[in-house]
Amino acid sequence: MDANQKPSSSSSQLGMSESSSSAKAPTGSRPSMGIRRETYDSQTSDVEKTPSQIIQRRKEERMLLHKLDMRLIPAIFVVYVMNYINRSAITAARLKGFEHDLHLSDIQYNAVLSILFVTLSLGQPLSNMILNKVKRPSIYIGSCVVAWGLASALSGVTTSYGGILACRLFIGLPEGSFYPGAVYLLSCWYTKKELAFRAAILFSGLDLANAFGALVAAGILSRMHGVSGIEGWRWLFIIEGSTTILLGFCVMWLLPDYPRHTRWINDLESRLAQARLSGDAGEADQDTGVTSHLEGFKLAIADPLTWLFSLMLFTHYLGRSVGQFFPTVAKTLGFSTTKTLLLTAPPWLLAAVVCVLSAWHADRTGERFYHISIWTWAMMVGFIISLCTMSVPARYFAMFLMAIGDAGCAMTLVWMANSIPRPPAKRAAAIGITNGIGNIGTLVGSYAWKNVWGPRYTQSCCISLVALALSTLAAFVIRQRLIQMNRQLILAAEERTVPLGTNEDRVKKAAHLEGITVRQALQNRREFRYLY
């Protein structure tokens, strides 16, 4: 559903289909979904579902959602926890001789930290374009999990700057497939008012990884140091990497593919899953024959929303780059290494709870801007407190505020998926581009918390404050843009014209999947509204 496309002949053909849909529908019983046996350009009257059919449809939807929630959500949640634990293990290793043993300077350490985000950022758009075209995303994503687990485990046997740099480089490439790929996969199964809550559960894995990753790291670093003559930080990489490899093979079995190809749902559930998404946007969630992955990429880069969301996420990731240095910031409180790692856990546990509850409420209300910005503003207050005092209780409270800012960050790619729903190739590319550019903000942020700026980190807090202010501004511009686009949709509905960017093939397919006429499907398309 590309708001930048010009009206085509398909729009006029849809208008003809609507005006000519006047003949009576054939009598006879229909399945609970109201499935029509005719082709989707047949000229029949409106199909009305009976109350019993509606009740049965809702029951079938609940059963489908339960099946998905029991397999898809736990799988991607656990993978994301390990994803971030693998990525951030280096910050915990730094506290136990990592730099000293590999003879790294401060600049070299920052290069090792940031090189991952170079490959991560470059790989995400391409990975999502590939993901949109493969039939078995479960195998693709699972293979990537195995690959970054192997690279992470090998980090524990490196003996030089070049070796650890190469490992971090090859962790970033396969990791680039996961988060934007998981959000895209979720958007292929859940409607726009179901997506935020599920994506927030996924994102809360990052917060729990920050919390329990520090606890796990503390245990490994203290208990495994010297075992078999191996340093504790090496055991940290080896154990976490090996666990991830095993998890990758499990993911190949647990994850669903797309609704048309998933092995563990039946034909009725497959069609129901497709029909739900068709009704959600008024068009089938399928690419047409002419929409290649390259065409989807072109549509994504031509849409101003892609760049607005990219700016928003870039500045937000830059502002929240303190997460990479949380143990370092916590160490300024003056406690031992083990206590420092333990103190980092409670802020992230609170952030995980806030993240999920905020997203649940966002789905219930359909609101997006304030559910993102309020938590961004809370993070800004945390940085202001850190600038104003060196009091240990006050600075620790500020760390809680910095952490809960993730609740807003969790909603950004969801908001993008809601705002660019069709075609899928465009949505996949836009999510990859946005998160790829966002991770450049994390790359820049890796240089924003220098040791020489401690213990107050005045410059670092100022950089984060400015970045978060720009992120809020970008979010406000997006909100106003979506309000304007909704006004255009309302005008099209009032004038009973075909909304700009409507694709005839996807509307007809939506009619077929939902068991309704083309006229009803077109009316559903007119009733689509963007969430802001």
Protein backbone atom coordinates (compact mmCIF):
# COMPACT_ATOMS: atom_id res chain seq x y z
CA MET A 1 0.00 0.00 0.00
CA ASP A 2 2.35 2.67 -1.26
CA ALA A 3 1.17 6.19 -0.61
CA ASN A 4 3.66 7.50 -3.17
CA GLN A 5 2.40 5.48 -6.12
CA LYS A 6 0.36 7.27 -8.74
CA PRO A 7 -3.16 6.06 -9.51
CA SER A 8 -3.04 3.41 -12.20
CA SER A 9 -5.47 1.73 -14.48
CA SER A 10 -5.99 -0.83 -11.72
CA SER A 11 -7.77 1.83 -9.68
CA SER A 12 -10.29 2.50 -12.41
CA GLN A 13 -10.81 -1.23 -12.92
CA LEU A 14 -11.54 -1.57 -9.23
CA GLY A 15 -14.13 1.13 -9.52
CA MET A 16 -15.78 -0.78 -12.35
CA SER A 17 -15.70 -3.97 -10.28
CA GLU A 18 -17.44 -2.19 -7.43
CA SER A 19 -20.18 -0.63 -9.53
CA SER A 20 -20.96 -3.83 -11.35
CA SER A 21 -21.11 -6.07 -8.26
CA SER A 22 -24.89 -6.25 -8.16
CA ALA A 23 -25.90 -9.79 -8.97
CA LYS A 24 -27.22 -12.04 -6.20
CA ALA A 25 -24.79 -14.37 -4.50
CA PRO A 26 -25.40 -18.04 -5.09
CA THR A 27 -27.32 -19.70 -2.30
CA GLY A 28 -26.03 -22.55 -0.24
CA SER A 29 -24.09 -23.07 2.93
CA ARG A 30 -20.64 -21.63 3.37
CA PRO A 31 -17.79 -22.57 5.68
CA SER A 32 -17.33 -20.57 8.88
CA MET A 33 -14.91 -18.17 7.16
CA GLY A 34 -17.45 -17.40 4.44
CA ILE A 35 -15.13 -18.92 1.81
CA ARG A 36 -16.35 -18.34 -1.73
CA ARG A 37 -15.92 -20.98 -4.36
CA GLU A 38 -15.91 -18.46 -7.22
CA THR A 39 -12.81 -16.70 -8.51
CA TYR A 40 -12.12 -13.35 -6.96
CA ASP A 41 -13.20 -11.29 -9.97
CA SER A 42 -16.65 -12.88 -10.02
CA GLN A 43 -19.45 -10.33 -9.92
CA THR A 44 -21.55 -11.33 -6.91
CA SER A 45 -23.46 -9.37 -4.29
CA ASP A 46 -22.14 -8.70 -0.80
CA VAL A 47 -21.49 -11.76 1.34
CA GLU A 48 -23.02 -11.47 4.82
CA LYS A 49 -21.70 -13.74 7.56
CA THR A 50 -24.19 -15.13 10.07
CA PRO A 51 -23.65 -14.61 13.83
CA SER A 52 -22.64 -18.25 14.19
CA GLN A 53 -20.04 -17.85 11.44
CA ILE A 54 -18.64 -14.74 13.14
CA ILE A 55 -18.41 -16.54 16.50
CA GLN A 56 -16.74 -19.53 14.86
CA ARG A 57 -14.27 -17.26 13.05
CA ARG A 58 -13.31 -15.58 16.33
CA LYS A 59 -12.82 -18.95 17.99
CA GLU A 60 -10.58 -20.09 15.14
CA GLU A 61 -8.58 -16.86 15.37
CA ARG A 62 -8.01 -17.34 19.10
CA MET A 63 -6.81 -20.89 18.52
CA LEU A 64 -4.44 -19.74 15.76
CA LEU A 65 -3.05 -16.91 17.90
CA HIS A 66 -2.54 -19.30 20.82
CA LYS A 67 -0.61 -21.70 18.59
CA LEU A 68 1.56 -18.87 17.26
CA ASP A 69 2.13 -17.32 20.68
CA MET A 70 3.28 -20.65 22.10
CA ARG A 71 5.91 -21.24 19.40
CA LEU A 72 6.87 -18.03 17.62
CA ILE A 73 7.10 -15.64 20.57
CA PRO A 74 9.18 -17.83 22.95
CA ALA A 75 11.56 -18.79 20.14
CA ILE A 76 12.39 -15.26 19.01
CA PHE A 77 12.45 -14.02 22.60
CA VAL A 78 15.10 -16.51 23.71
CA VAL A 79 17.13 -15.91 20.53
CA TYR A 80 17.08 -12.15 21.10
CA VAL A 81 18.23 -12.61 24.69
CA MET A 82 21.22 -14.62 23.46
CA ASN A 83 21.73 -12.18 20.58
CA TYR A 84 22.29 -9.31 22.95
CA ILE A 85 24.20 -11.35 25.52
CA ASN A 86 26.65 -12.38 22.79
CA ARG A 87 26.91 -8.81 21.56
CA SER A 88 27.44 -7.22 24.97
CA ALA A 89 29.68 -9.89 26.55
CA ILE A 90 32.63 -7.77 25.55
CA THR A 91 31.65 -4.97 27.97
CA ALA A 92 31.63 -7.44 30.89
CA ALA A 93 34.89 -9.03 29.69
CA ARG A 94 36.46 -5.58 29.77
CA LEU A 95 36.13 -5.58 33.56
CA LYS A 96 38.22 -8.77 33.89
CA GLY A 97 41.34 -8.24 31.85
CA PHE A 98 40.09 -8.49 28.26
CA GLU A 99 41.93 -5.36 27.13
CA HIS A 100 45.08 -6.22 29.08
CA ASP A 101 45.34 -9.79 27.77
CA LEU A 102 44.91 -8.76 24.13
CA HIS A 103 47.08 -5.62 24.58
CA LEU A 104 44.33 -3.29 23.34
CA SER A 105 44.51 0.48 23.56
CA ASP A 106 41.38 2.53 24.33
CA ILE A 107 40.98 3.33 20.62
CA GLN A 108 41.43 -0.32 19.62
CA TYR A 109 38.80 -1.41 22.15
CA ASN A 110 36.34 1.10 20.72
CA ALA A 111 37.12 -0.17 17.22
CA VAL A 112 36.44 -3.77 18.33
CA LEU A 113 33.20 -2.64 19.95
CA SER A 114 31.99 -0.63 16.96
CA ILE A 115 33.06 -2.85 14.02
CA LEU A 116 30.14 -5.17 14.78
CA PHE A 117 27.70 -2.35 14.09
CA VAL A 118 29.28 -1.60 10.71
CA THR A 119 28.45 -5.06 9.35
CA LEU A 120 25.20 -5.10 11.32
CA SER A 121 24.03 -1.88 9.68
CA LEU A 122 25.12 -2.82 6.17
CA GLY A 123 23.68 -6.31 6.34
CA GLN A 124 20.18 -5.57 7.62
CA PRO A 125 18.53 -4.12 4.48
CA LEU A 126 19.93 -6.89 2.28
CA SER A 127 19.02 -9.58 4.81
CA ASN A 128 15.40 -8.43 5.02
CA MET A 129 15.13 -8.35 1.23
CA ILE A 130 16.38 -11.95 1.15
CA LEU A 131 14.01 -12.89 3.97
CA ASN A 132 11.06 -11.53 2.00
CA LYS A 133 11.84 -13.91 -0.87
CA VAL A 134 12.83 -17.15 0.86
CA LYS A 135 10.05 -19.65 1.56
CA ARG A 136 11.60 -20.97 4.77
CA PRO A 137 12.55 -18.05 7.05
CA SER A 138 12.86 -20.56 9.90
CA ILE A 139 15.87 -22.17 8.19
CA TYR A 140 17.34 -18.82 7.12
CA ILE A 141 17.10 -17.23 10.58
CA GLY A 142 18.19 -20.43 12.35
CA SER A 143 21.30 -20.69 10.16
CA CYS A 144 22.20 -17.09 10.98
CA VAL A 145 21.85 -17.82 14.71
CA VAL A 146 24.27 -20.76 14.39
CA ALA A 147 26.72 -18.57 12.44
CA TRP A 148 26.91 -15.76 14.99
CA GLY A 149 27.10 -18.26 17.85
CA LEU A 150 30.15 -19.84 16.20
CA ALA A 151 31.82 -16.45 15.70
CA SER A 152 31.08 -15.54 19.33
CA ALA A 153 32.58 -18.80 20.64
CA LEU A 154 35.71 -18.24 18.55
CA SER A 155 36.14 -14.85 20.24
CA GLY A 156 37.22 -16.83 23.31
CA VAL A 157 40.28 -18.31 21.58
CA THR A 158 41.64 -15.16 19.95
CA THR A 159 45.06 -13.90 21.02
CA SER A 160 45.40 -10.62 19.12
CA TYR A 161 43.68 -7.42 18.11
CA GLY A 162 43.26 -8.67 14.53
CA GLY A 163 41.66 -11.91 15.70
CA ILE A 164 39.04 -10.33 17.94
CA LEU A 165 38.33 -7.70 15.27
CA ALA A 166 37.63 -10.45 12.70
CA CYS A 167 35.33 -12.31 15.12
CA ARG A 168 33.32 -9.19 15.86
CA LEU A 169 33.08 -8.49 12.15
CA PHE A 170 31.55 -11.92 11.50
CA ILE A 171 29.23 -11.71 14.50
CA GLY A 172 27.65 -8.60 12.98
CA LEU A 173 26.86 -10.04 9.55
CA PRO A 174 24.53 -12.87 10.64
CA GLU A 175 23.19 -10.90 13.60
CA GLY A 176 21.94 -8.34 11.09
CA SER A 177 19.30 -10.82 10.00
CA PHE A 178 17.61 -11.22 13.34
CA TYR A 179 15.88 -8.21 14.90
CA PRO A 180 14.50 -6.54 11.73
CA GLY A 181 13.82 -10.02 10.34
CA ALA A 182 11.91 -11.02 13.47
CA VAL A 183 9.80 -7.83 13.35
CA TYR A 184 9.05 -8.47 9.68
CA LEU A 185 8.11 -12.09 10.41
CA LEU A 186 5.80 -10.93 13.21
CA SER A 187 4.15 -8.45 10.83
CA CYS A 188 3.40 -11.37 8.48
CA TRP A 189 1.27 -13.05 11.16
CA TYR A 190 -0.16 -10.38 13.50
CA THR A 191 -2.51 -7.48 12.75
CA LYS A 192 -1.56 -3.87 13.44
CA LYS A 193 -3.34 -3.92 16.84
CA GLU A 194 -1.65 -7.17 17.88
CA LEU A 195 1.87 -6.40 16.73
CA ALA A 196 3.18 -3.93 19.32
CA PHE A 197 2.61 -6.25 22.29
CA ARG A 198 4.37 -9.20 20.61
CA ALA A 199 7.23 -7.05 19.36
CA ALA A 200 7.63 -5.59 22.86
CA ILE A 201 7.96 -9.10 24.32
CA LEU A 202 10.72 -9.63 21.75
CA PHE A 203 12.40 -6.33 22.60
CA SER A 204 12.12 -6.98 26.35
CA GLY A 205 14.60 -9.78 25.67
CA LEU A 206 17.18 -7.03 25.18
CA ASP A 207 16.38 -5.59 28.62
CA LEU A 208 16.50 -9.02 30.25
CA ALA A 209 19.78 -9.71 28.44
CA ASN A 210 21.17 -6.51 29.93
CA ALA A 211 19.95 -7.63 33.36
CA PHE A 212 20.69 -11.34 33.42
CA GLY A 213 23.57 -11.08 30.96
CA ALA A 214 25.40 -9.11 33.62
CA LEU A 215 24.48 -11.71 36.25
CA VAL A 216 25.56 -14.60 34.05
CA ALA A 217 28.75 -12.76 33.17
CA ALA A 218 29.43 -12.11 36.84
CA GLY A 219 29.05 -15.82 37.61
CA ILE A 220 31.24 -17.01 34.74
CA LEU A 221 33.93 -14.40 35.30
CA SER A 222 34.21 -15.16 39.01
CA ARG A 223 33.78 -18.97 39.00
CA MET A 224 35.40 -20.02 35.71
CA HIS A 225 38.51 -17.86 35.84
CA GLY A 226 41.55 -20.10 35.76
CA VAL A 227 39.64 -23.34 35.07
CA SER A 228 41.84 -25.47 32.77
CA GLY A 229 44.24 -22.52 32.76
CA ILE A 230 41.80 -20.36 30.76
CA GLU A 231 40.91 -16.79 31.66
CA GLY A 232 37.35 -16.08 32.80
CA TRP A 233 36.57 -13.73 29.93
CA ARG A 234 37.48 -16.47 27.42
CA TRP A 235 35.09 -18.89 29.13
CA LEU A 236 32.42 -16.19 28.88
CA PHE A 237 32.65 -16.09 25.06
CA ILE A 238 32.97 -19.88 24.68
CA ILE A 239 29.99 -20.77 26.90
CA GLU A 240 27.64 -18.13 25.52
CA GLY A 241 28.61 -18.84 21.91
CA SER A 242 28.13 -22.61 22.27
CA THR A 243 24.70 -22.10 23.85
CA THR A 244 23.69 -19.92 20.91
CA ILE A 245 24.74 -22.57 18.36
CA LEU A 246 22.49 -25.14 20.05
CA LEU A 247 19.65 -22.62 20.15
CA GLY A 248 20.02 -21.95 16.42
CA PHE A 249 19.24 -25.57 15.55
CA CYS A 250 16.18 -25.50 17.84
CA VAL A 251 14.93 -22.33 16.10
CA MET A 252 14.88 -24.09 12.72
CA TRP A 253 12.16 -26.34 14.11
CA LEU A 254 10.29 -23.86 16.34
CA LEU A 255 9.88 -20.82 14.07
CA PRO A 256 7.01 -20.63 11.60
CA ASP A 257 7.53 -19.79 7.97
CA TYR A 258 5.04 -17.56 6.16
CA PRO A 259 1.32 -18.39 6.44
CA ARG A 260 1.30 -20.10 3.04
CA HIS A 261 4.30 -22.34 3.81
CA THR A 262 4.29 -23.17 7.52
CA ARG A 263 4.43 -26.91 8.14
CA TRP A 264 2.66 -27.07 11.52
CA ILE A 265 -0.61 -25.35 10.61
CA ASN A 266 -3.37 -26.83 8.45
CA ASP A 267 -4.88 -25.36 5.27
CA LEU A 268 -7.76 -23.66 7.07
CA GLU A 269 -5.39 -21.99 9.56
CA SER A 270 -3.13 -20.92 6.70
CA ARG A 271 -6.01 -19.25 4.90
CA LEU A 272 -7.31 -17.70 8.12
CA ALA A 273 -3.88 -16.21 8.85
CA GLN A 274 -3.80 -14.64 5.38
CA ALA A 275 -7.40 -13.43 5.64
CA ARG A 276 -6.73 -11.69 8.95
CA LEU A 277 -3.96 -9.60 7.44
CA SER A 278 -6.02 -8.89 4.33
CA GLY A 279 -8.87 -7.55 6.45
CA ASP A 280 -6.43 -5.52 8.53
CA ALA A 281 -5.16 -3.44 5.60
CA GLY A 282 -7.79 -4.01 2.91
CA GLU A 283 -5.22 -5.73 0.70
CA ALA A 284 -3.68 -9.20 0.72
CA ASP A 285 -0.25 -9.37 2.36
CA GLN A 286 1.36 -10.68 -0.82
CA ASP A 287 3.64 -9.20 -3.44
CA THR A 288 2.30 -9.01 -6.97
CA GLY A 289 4.16 -10.61 -9.86
CA VAL A 290 5.91 -7.33 -10.73
CA THR A 291 7.03 -6.54 -7.15
CA SER A 292 10.55 -7.93 -6.92
CA HIS A 293 12.79 -7.47 -3.90
CA LEU A 294 14.62 -4.75 -5.85
CA GLU A 295 11.33 -3.01 -6.64
CA GLY A 296 10.42 -3.17 -2.95
CA PHE A 297 13.76 -1.55 -2.10
CA LYS A 298 13.10 1.24 -4.62
CA LEU A 299 9.64 1.86 -3.18
CA ALA A 300 11.09 1.99 0.33
CA ILE A 301 13.81 4.54 -0.45
CA ALA A 302 11.30 6.69 -2.36
CA ASP A 303 8.99 6.95 0.65
CA PRO A 304 9.75 9.91 2.99
CA LEU A 305 8.48 7.87 5.94
CA THR A 306 11.42 5.48 5.56
CA TRP A 307 13.90 8.31 6.09
CA LEU A 308 11.91 9.94 8.88
CA PHE A 309 11.78 6.66 10.79
CA SER A 310 15.49 6.13 10.04
CA LEU A 311 16.34 9.54 11.52
CA MET A 312 14.15 8.83 14.51
CA LEU A 313 15.78 5.46 15.19
CA PHE A 314 19.33 6.70 14.49
CA THR A 315 19.01 9.46 17.08
CA HIS A 316 17.21 7.18 19.54
CA TYR A 317 19.91 4.50 19.29
CA LEU A 318 22.57 7.18 19.70
CA GLY A 319 20.76 8.49 22.79
CA ARG A 320 20.42 5.03 24.33
CA SER A 321 24.00 3.97 23.53
CA VAL A 322 24.59 4.21 27.29
CA GLY A 323 23.25 0.65 27.37
CA GLN A 324 26.54 -0.58 25.90
CA PHE A 325 28.39 1.05 28.77
CA PHE A 326 26.00 0.36 31.64
CA PRO A 327 28.59 -1.63 33.65
CA THR A 328 31.09 1.19 33.08
CA VAL A 329 28.56 3.82 34.24
CA ALA A 330 27.57 1.65 37.23
CA LYS A 331 31.24 1.31 38.20
CA THR A 332 31.31 5.08 38.88
CA LEU A 333 29.07 4.34 41.88
CA GLY A 334 32.19 2.94 43.60
CA PHE A 335 31.43 -0.76 44.16
CA SER A 336 33.36 -3.94 43.37
CA THR A 337 33.17 -5.62 39.95
CA THR A 338 30.67 -8.28 41.03
CA LYS A 339 28.45 -5.76 42.86
CA THR A 340 28.67 -3.42 39.89
CA LEU A 341 27.37 -6.11 37.51
CA LEU A 342 24.61 -7.01 39.98
CA LEU A 343 23.52 -3.38 40.29
CA THR A 344 22.94 -3.17 36.54
CA ALA A 345 20.18 -5.81 36.67
CA PRO A 346 17.24 -4.05 38.46
CA PRO A 347 16.99 -1.09 36.01
CA TRP A 348 16.73 -3.47 33.05
CA LEU A 349 14.18 -5.68 34.80
CA LEU A 350 11.97 -2.64 35.34
CA ALA A 351 12.54 -1.61 31.71
CA ALA A 352 11.34 -5.03 30.48
CA VAL A 353 8.10 -4.77 32.48
CA VAL A 354 7.44 -1.19 31.37
CA CYS A 355 8.19 -2.11 27.75
CA VAL A 356 5.59 -4.91 27.65
CA LEU A 357 2.89 -3.02 29.58
CA SER A 358 3.32 0.11 27.45
CA ALA A 359 3.03 -1.88 24.22
CA TRP A 360 -0.04 -3.74 25.51
CA HIS A 361 -1.71 -0.39 26.18
CA ALA A 362 -0.60 0.93 22.78
CA ASP A 363 -2.30 -2.01 21.06
CA ARG A 364 -5.45 -1.47 23.10
CA THR A 365 -5.64 2.22 22.22
CA GLY A 366 -4.06 2.22 18.75
CA GLU A 367 -1.85 5.16 19.82
CA ARG A 368 1.85 5.29 18.94
CA PHE A 369 3.51 8.72 19.36
CA TYR A 370 3.04 9.22 23.11
CA HIS A 371 3.77 5.56 23.90
CA ILE A 372 7.20 6.20 22.38
CA SER A 373 7.91 9.78 23.42
CA ILE A 374 6.95 9.60 27.11
CA TRP A 375 9.67 7.04 27.76
CA THR A 376 12.16 9.01 25.67
CA TRP A 377 11.46 12.03 27.86
CA ALA A 378 12.00 9.88 30.97
CA MET A 379 15.40 8.88 29.64
CA MET A 380 16.25 12.54 29.07
CA VAL A 381 15.41 13.30 32.70
CA GLY A 382 17.82 10.54 33.73
CA PHE A 383 20.67 12.18 31.81
CA ILE A 384 19.84 15.57 33.32
CA ILE A 385 20.04 14.08 36.84
CA SER A 386 23.44 12.56 36.00
CA LEU A 387 24.67 15.95 34.83
CA CYS A 388 23.53 17.67 38.01
CA THR A 389 24.82 15.43 40.80
CA MET A 390 27.38 12.82 41.82
CA SER A 391 25.15 11.50 44.61
CA VAL A 392 25.12 7.68 44.46
CA PRO A 393 21.35 7.24 45.12
CA ALA A 394 20.44 9.96 42.61
CA ARG A 395 22.71 8.56 39.89
CA TYR A 396 21.41 5.04 40.46
CA PHE A 397 17.82 6.34 40.15
CA ALA A 398 18.92 8.06 36.91
CA MET A 399 20.08 4.68 35.60
CA PHE A 400 16.52 3.36 36.02
CA LEU A 401 15.20 6.27 33.92
CA MET A 402 17.87 5.68 31.26
CA ALA A 403 16.86 2.01 31.04
CA ILE A 404 13.09 2.49 30.72
CA GLY A 405 13.65 4.63 27.63
CA ASP A 406 13.87 1.30 25.80
CA ALA A 407 10.08 1.03 26.10
CA GLY A 408 9.82 3.73 23.43
CA CYS A 409 12.54 2.26 21.25
CA ALA A 410 10.68 -1.07 21.14
CA MET A 411 7.76 0.58 19.35
CA THR A 412 9.62 2.28 16.50
CA LEU A 413 9.88 -0.60 14.01
CA VAL A 414 6.32 -1.63 14.91
CA TRP A 415 5.11 1.86 14.08
CA MET A 416 6.99 1.65 10.78
CA ALA A 417 5.41 -1.73 9.92
CA ASN A 418 1.99 -0.21 10.69
CA SER A 419 2.75 2.82 8.50
CA ILE A 420 4.16 0.93 5.47
CA PRO A 421 2.00 -2.22 5.42
CA ARG A 422 1.97 -3.01 1.70
CA PRO A 423 3.54 -4.38 -0.42
CA PRO A 424 5.46 -6.83 1.79
CA ALA A 425 8.67 -6.37 -0.25
CA LYS A 426 8.57 -2.65 0.51
CA ARG A 427 7.80 -3.24 4.20
CA ALA A 428 10.69 -5.70 4.53
CA ALA A 429 13.15 -3.33 2.85
CA ALA A 430 11.95 -0.32 4.85
CA ILE A 431 12.34 -2.19 8.17
CA GLY A 432 15.84 -3.31 7.18
CA ILE A 433 16.90 0.17 6.03
CA THR A 434 15.52 1.85 9.15
CA ASN A 435 17.10 -0.53 11.64
CA GLY A 436 20.35 -0.56 9.65
CA ILE A 437 20.61 3.23 9.82
CA GLY A 438 19.50 3.09 13.45
CA ASN A 439 22.45 0.86 14.30
CA ILE A 440 24.79 3.47 12.86
CA GLY A 441 23.59 5.54 15.82
CA THR A 442 24.79 2.73 18.09
CA LEU A 443 28.11 2.75 16.21
CA VAL A 444 28.52 6.50 16.75
CA GLY A 445 27.44 6.04 20.37
CA SER A 446 30.25 3.56 20.98
CA TYR A 447 32.62 6.55 20.84
CA ALA A 448 30.43 8.76 23.05
CA TRP A 449 31.34 7.19 26.41
CA LYS A 450 35.10 7.55 26.65
CA ASN A 451 36.87 6.61 29.88
CA VAL A 452 38.58 9.99 29.99
CA TRP A 453 35.15 11.66 30.28
CA GLY A 454 34.35 9.71 33.45
CA PRO A 455 33.24 9.60 36.15
CA ARG A 456 30.61 12.28 35.48
CA TYR A 457 30.49 11.71 31.68
CA THR A 458 29.23 15.24 31.07
CA GLN A 459 29.94 15.22 27.32
CA SER A 460 28.31 11.79 26.94
CA CYS A 461 25.11 12.87 28.68
CA CYS A 462 24.89 16.03 26.55
CA ILE A 463 25.28 14.03 23.33
CA SER A 464 22.49 11.69 24.44
CA LEU A 465 20.20 14.56 25.40
CA VAL A 466 20.52 16.27 22.02
CA ALA A 467 20.03 12.98 20.16
CA LEU A 468 16.87 12.11 22.09
CA ALA A 469 15.43 15.58 21.52
CA LEU A 470 15.94 15.13 17.77
CA SER A 471 14.33 11.68 17.96
CA THR A 472 11.22 13.15 19.57
CA LEU A 473 11.07 15.85 16.90
CA ALA A 474 11.28 13.24 14.12
CA ALA A 475 8.49 11.23 15.80
CA PHE A 476 6.28 14.33 15.90
CA VAL A 477 6.86 14.98 12.19
CA ILE A 478 5.93 11.36 11.44
CA ARG A 479 2.75 11.74 13.50
CA GLN A 480 1.69 14.84 11.57
CA ARG A 481 2.46 13.12 8.26
CA LEU A 482 0.27 10.13 9.16
CA ILE A 483 -2.57 12.41 10.29
CA GLN A 484 -2.41 14.08 6.87
CA MET A 485 -2.45 10.69 5.11
CA ASN A 486 -5.49 9.64 7.15
CA ARG A 487 -7.30 12.78 6.05
CA GLN A 488 -6.69 11.80 2.44
CA LEU A 489 -8.11 8.34 3.14
CA ILE A 490 -11.19 9.85 4.81
CA LEU A 491 -11.72 12.11 1.80
CA ALA A 492 -11.45 9.13 -0.57
CA ALA A 493 -14.00 7.25 1.55
CA GLU A 494 -16.43 10.16 1.52
CA GLU A 495 -16.14 10.58 -2.24
CA ARG A 496 -16.18 6.78 -2.73
CA THR A 497 -13.04 6.92 -4.85
CA VAL A 498 -10.20 4.41 -4.83
CA PRO A 499 -7.51 5.41 -2.28
CA LEU A 500 -4.17 6.43 -3.74
CA GLY A 501 -1.73 3.53 -4.12
CA THR A 502 -4.39 0.78 -4.05
CA ASN A 503 -3.33 -2.38 -5.87
CA GLU A 504 -6.08 -4.21 -7.75
CA ASP A 505 -4.51 -7.66 -7.52
CA ARG A 506 -4.04 -7.45 -3.75
CA VAL A 507 -7.62 -6.21 -3.21
CA LYS A 508 -9.00 -9.08 -5.32
CA LYS A 509 -6.85 -11.56 -3.44
CA ALA A 510 -8.13 -10.10 -0.15
CA ALA A 511 -11.71 -10.67 -1.36
CA HIS A 512 -10.86 -14.25 -2.22
CA LEU A 513 -9.17 -14.97 1.12
CA GLU A 514 -11.91 -13.41 3.22
CA GLY A 515 -14.78 -14.92 1.22
CA ILE A 516 -16.28 -11.55 0.31
CA THR A 517 -16.88 -9.61 -2.87
CA VAL A 518 -14.41 -7.22 -4.48
CA ARG A 519 -16.76 -4.38 -3.55
CA GLN A 520 -16.58 -5.32 0.13
CA ALA A 521 -12.81 -5.71 -0.06
CA LEU A 522 -12.52 -2.26 -1.62
CA GLN A 523 -14.67 -0.83 1.15
CA ASN A 524 -12.33 -2.43 3.69
CA ARG A 525 -9.45 -0.76 1.89
CA ARG A 526 -11.21 2.60 2.21
CA GLU A 527 -11.66 2.05 5.94
CA PHE A 528 -7.95 1.45 6.56
CA ARG A 529 -6.35 4.08 8.81
CA TYR A 530 -2.75 4.63 9.90
CA LEU A 531 -1.94 4.51 13.61
CA TYR A 532 -0.28 7.56 15.11
